[in-house]
Amino acid sequence: MRNALAIAVASVALASMAGCIVEPARPYYGGGGYVAPPGVVYVAPTYASPGPGWGWEYHATYGWGWHHPQYGWHRGWH
């Protein structure tokens, strides 16, 4: 019992010191938000945002992905 408590305390301490905070996906453009086209089903991101300014958006050919107004689509989509 003592070991289990020590492991739990150590795990919580380690997790709180990790310093990695992942911001949830959110639309980027102009504060008004991004709305998917009619008939498109929303798919949640499978990995964290590449950085500040990237928004989770729908691409007509490739589906959902990260898009930045200046840098374009993440992972080379055009």
N, C-alpha and C. Protein backbone atom coordinates (compact mmCIF):
# COMPACT_ATOMS: atom_id res chain seq x y z
N MET A 1 0.83 -1.20 0.00
CA MET A 1 0.00 0.00 0.00
C MET A 1 0.86 1.25 0.00
N ARG A 2 1.95 1.23 0.77
CA ARG A 2 2.83 2.39 0.86
C ARG A 2 3.48 2.68 -0.50
N ASN A 3 3.90 1.60 -1.22
CA ASN A 3 4.51 1.77 -2.54
C ASN A 3 3.51 2.35 -3.54
N ALA A 4 2.27 1.89 -3.50
CA ALA A 4 1.25 2.39 -4.42
C ALA A 4 1.01 3.87 -4.20
N LEU A 5 0.97 4.29 -2.95
CA LEU A 5 0.77 5.70 -2.63
C LEU A 5 1.97 6.53 -3.11
N ALA A 6 3.17 6.03 -2.89
CA ALA A 6 4.37 6.74 -3.33
C ALA A 6 4.41 6.86 -4.85
N ILE A 7 4.03 5.82 -5.56
CA ILE A 7 4.01 5.86 -7.02
C ILE A 7 2.97 6.85 -7.52
N ALA A 8 1.80 6.86 -6.87
CA ALA A 8 0.75 7.80 -7.28
C ALA A 8 1.19 9.25 -7.06
N VAL A 9 1.80 9.53 -5.93
CA VAL A 9 2.27 10.88 -5.64
C VAL A 9 3.37 11.28 -6.63
N ALA A 10 4.29 10.37 -6.90
CA ALA A 10 5.37 10.66 -7.85
C ALA A 10 4.82 10.90 -9.25
N SER A 11 3.81 10.14 -9.66
CA SER A 11 3.21 10.31 -10.98
C SER A 11 2.54 11.67 -11.12
N VAL A 12 1.79 12.06 -10.10
CA VAL A 12 1.13 13.37 -10.13
C VAL A 12 2.17 14.49 -10.16
N ALA A 13 3.22 14.36 -9.36
CA ALA A 13 4.27 15.38 -9.34
C ALA A 13 4.96 15.48 -10.70
N LEU A 14 5.26 14.35 -11.30
CA LEU A 14 5.92 14.34 -12.60
C LEU A 14 5.02 14.94 -13.67
N ALA A 15 3.74 14.59 -13.66
CA ALA A 15 2.81 15.12 -14.65
C ALA A 15 2.63 16.62 -14.50
N SER A 16 2.65 17.12 -13.28
CA SER A 16 2.46 18.56 -13.08
C SER A 16 3.70 19.36 -13.46
N MET A 17 4.85 18.72 -13.54
CA MET A 17 6.08 19.42 -13.90
C MET A 17 6.45 19.26 -15.37
N ALA A 18 5.64 18.53 -16.13
CA ALA A 18 5.97 18.25 -17.52
C ALA A 18 6.01 19.53 -18.36
N GLY A 19 5.14 20.49 -18.07
CA GLY A 19 5.16 21.78 -18.75
C GLY A 19 4.62 21.77 -20.17
N CYS A 20 3.98 20.72 -20.58
CA CYS A 20 3.44 20.63 -21.93
C CYS A 20 1.94 20.85 -21.87
N ILE A 21 1.49 21.95 -22.43
CA ILE A 21 0.07 22.26 -22.46
C ILE A 21 -0.35 22.29 -23.91
N VAL A 22 -1.32 21.49 -24.27
CA VAL A 22 -1.80 21.44 -25.65
C VAL A 22 -3.11 22.19 -25.72
N GLU A 23 -3.13 23.21 -26.58
CA GLU A 23 -4.33 24.00 -26.77
C GLU A 23 -5.31 23.22 -27.63
N PRO A 24 -6.58 23.19 -27.27
CA PRO A 24 -7.54 22.48 -28.11
C PRO A 24 -7.68 23.14 -29.48
N ALA A 25 -8.06 22.35 -30.45
CA ALA A 25 -8.23 22.88 -31.81
C ALA A 25 -9.34 23.91 -31.81
N ARG A 26 -9.10 24.99 -32.53
CA ARG A 26 -10.13 26.01 -32.67
C ARG A 26 -9.97 26.68 -34.02
N PRO A 27 -11.06 27.14 -34.60
CA PRO A 27 -10.96 27.83 -35.87
C PRO A 27 -10.16 29.12 -35.73
N TYR A 28 -9.51 29.55 -36.79
CA TYR A 28 -8.63 30.70 -36.70
C TYR A 28 -9.21 31.98 -37.27
N TYR A 29 -9.79 31.94 -38.43
CA TYR A 29 -10.07 33.14 -39.20
C TYR A 29 -10.94 34.17 -38.51
N GLY A 30 -10.39 35.32 -38.29
CA GLY A 30 -11.07 36.54 -37.93
C GLY A 30 -12.01 36.53 -36.75
N GLY A 31 -11.89 35.62 -35.86
CA GLY A 31 -12.73 35.63 -34.67
C GLY A 31 -14.16 35.18 -34.93
N GLY A 32 -14.62 35.25 -36.19
CA GLY A 32 -15.97 34.85 -36.51
C GLY A 32 -16.12 33.33 -36.52
N GLY A 33 -14.99 32.66 -36.61
CA GLY A 33 -15.02 31.21 -36.60
C GLY A 33 -15.12 30.62 -38.00
N TYR A 34 -14.77 29.39 -38.11
CA TYR A 34 -14.82 28.66 -39.36
C TYR A 34 -16.02 27.73 -39.33
N VAL A 35 -16.79 27.73 -40.39
CA VAL A 35 -17.96 26.86 -40.47
C VAL A 35 -17.73 25.89 -41.62
N ALA A 36 -17.87 24.62 -41.35
CA ALA A 36 -17.70 23.59 -42.38
C ALA A 36 -18.82 23.71 -43.42
N PRO A 37 -18.52 23.34 -44.66
CA PRO A 37 -19.56 23.37 -45.70
C PRO A 37 -20.72 22.44 -45.35
N PRO A 38 -21.89 22.69 -45.91
CA PRO A 38 -23.03 21.81 -45.64
C PRO A 38 -22.73 20.37 -46.07
N GLY A 39 -23.14 19.42 -45.26
CA GLY A 39 -22.96 18.02 -45.57
C GLY A 39 -21.61 17.44 -45.17
N VAL A 40 -20.75 18.26 -44.57
CA VAL A 40 -19.42 17.79 -44.15
C VAL A 40 -19.47 17.45 -42.67
N VAL A 41 -19.02 16.26 -42.33
CA VAL A 41 -19.00 15.82 -40.94
C VAL A 41 -17.71 16.27 -40.30
N TYR A 42 -17.81 16.88 -39.12
CA TYR A 42 -16.62 17.34 -38.39
C TYR A 42 -15.81 16.14 -37.89
N VAL A 43 -14.49 16.21 -38.09
CA VAL A 43 -13.57 15.19 -37.60
C VAL A 43 -12.56 15.88 -36.70
N ALA A 44 -12.44 15.44 -35.48
CA ALA A 44 -11.52 16.06 -34.52
C ALA A 44 -10.07 15.79 -34.92
N PRO A 45 -9.15 16.71 -34.56
CA PRO A 45 -7.74 16.50 -34.89
C PRO A 45 -7.17 15.27 -34.18
N THR A 46 -6.21 14.62 -34.85
CA THR A 46 -5.58 13.45 -34.26
C THR A 46 -4.22 13.77 -33.66
N TYR A 47 -3.75 15.00 -33.86
CA TYR A 47 -2.48 15.44 -33.27
C TYR A 47 -2.58 16.92 -32.94
N ALA A 48 -1.68 17.39 -32.11
CA ALA A 48 -1.72 18.77 -31.62
C ALA A 48 -1.44 19.76 -32.74
N SER A 49 -1.90 20.98 -32.54
CA SER A 49 -1.65 22.07 -33.49
C SER A 49 -0.16 22.28 -33.71
N PRO A 50 0.26 22.52 -34.97
CA PRO A 50 1.68 22.74 -35.25
C PRO A 50 2.25 23.99 -34.59
N GLY A 51 1.42 24.92 -34.17
CA GLY A 51 1.91 26.13 -33.53
C GLY A 51 0.83 27.19 -33.47
N PRO A 52 1.20 28.39 -33.01
CA PRO A 52 0.22 29.47 -32.92
C PRO A 52 -0.27 29.90 -34.30
N GLY A 53 -1.54 30.20 -34.40
CA GLY A 53 -2.10 30.68 -35.65
C GLY A 53 -2.68 29.61 -36.55
N TRP A 54 -2.47 28.35 -36.24
CA TRP A 54 -3.00 27.26 -37.06
C TRP A 54 -4.43 26.95 -36.64
N GLY A 55 -5.32 26.77 -37.60
CA GLY A 55 -6.71 26.45 -37.33
C GLY A 55 -7.09 25.13 -37.97
N TRP A 56 -7.98 24.41 -37.33
CA TRP A 56 -8.45 23.12 -37.83
C TRP A 56 -9.57 23.41 -38.82
N GLU A 57 -9.32 23.12 -40.11
CA GLU A 57 -10.26 23.48 -41.16
C GLU A 57 -10.46 22.32 -42.14
N TYR A 58 -11.49 22.47 -42.97
CA TYR A 58 -11.82 21.46 -43.95
C TYR A 58 -11.23 21.82 -45.32
N HIS A 59 -10.60 20.85 -45.98
CA HIS A 59 -10.05 21.00 -47.32
C HIS A 59 -10.89 20.13 -48.25
N ALA A 60 -11.34 20.69 -49.37
CA ALA A 60 -12.27 19.98 -50.26
C ALA A 60 -11.70 18.67 -50.79
N THR A 61 -10.39 18.58 -51.02
CA THR A 61 -9.79 17.37 -51.56
C THR A 61 -9.29 16.43 -50.49
N TYR A 62 -8.62 16.97 -49.46
CA TYR A 62 -7.92 16.14 -48.48
C TYR A 62 -8.68 15.93 -47.18
N GLY A 63 -9.74 16.66 -46.95
CA GLY A 63 -10.49 16.52 -45.71
C GLY A 63 -10.01 17.53 -44.66
N TRP A 64 -10.08 17.15 -43.40
CA TRP A 64 -9.74 18.05 -42.30
C TRP A 64 -8.24 18.11 -42.09
N GLY A 65 -7.74 19.31 -41.75
CA GLY A 65 -6.31 19.48 -41.50
C GLY A 65 -6.02 20.85 -40.91
N TRP A 66 -4.76 21.05 -40.54
CA TRP A 66 -4.32 22.31 -39.95
C TRP A 66 -4.00 23.30 -41.06
N HIS A 67 -4.54 24.52 -40.96
CA HIS A 67 -4.31 25.55 -41.97
C HIS A 67 -3.88 26.84 -41.28
N HIS A 68 -2.92 27.51 -41.89
CA HIS A 68 -2.44 28.80 -41.40
C HIS A 68 -2.63 29.81 -42.52
N PRO A 69 -3.15 31.00 -42.24
CA PRO A 69 -3.41 31.97 -43.31
C PRO A 69 -2.15 32.40 -44.06
N GLN A 70 -1.00 32.35 -43.43
CA GLN A 70 0.24 32.77 -44.08
C GLN A 70 1.02 31.59 -44.67
N TYR A 71 1.04 30.47 -43.98
CA TYR A 71 1.88 29.34 -44.38
C TYR A 71 1.13 28.26 -45.16
N GLY A 72 -0.18 28.34 -45.22
CA GLY A 72 -0.95 27.34 -45.96
C GLY A 72 -1.26 26.11 -45.13
N TRP A 73 -1.39 24.99 -45.81
CA TRP A 73 -1.77 23.74 -45.16
C TRP A 73 -0.57 23.03 -44.59
N HIS A 74 -0.74 22.46 -43.41
CA HIS A 74 0.32 21.70 -42.77
C HIS A 74 0.53 20.40 -43.54
N ARG A 75 1.75 19.94 -43.59
CA ARG A 75 2.15 18.72 -44.29
C ARG A 75 1.99 18.82 -45.80
N GLY A 76 2.09 20.05 -46.34
CA GLY A 76 2.21 20.26 -47.77
C GLY A 76 0.95 20.20 -48.61
N TRP A 77 -0.22 20.29 -48.03
CA TRP A 77 -1.44 20.31 -48.86
C TRP A 77 -1.48 21.61 -49.62
N HIS A 78 -2.05 21.60 -50.81
CA HIS A 78 -2.18 22.83 -51.64
C HIS A 78 -3.61 23.06 -52.01
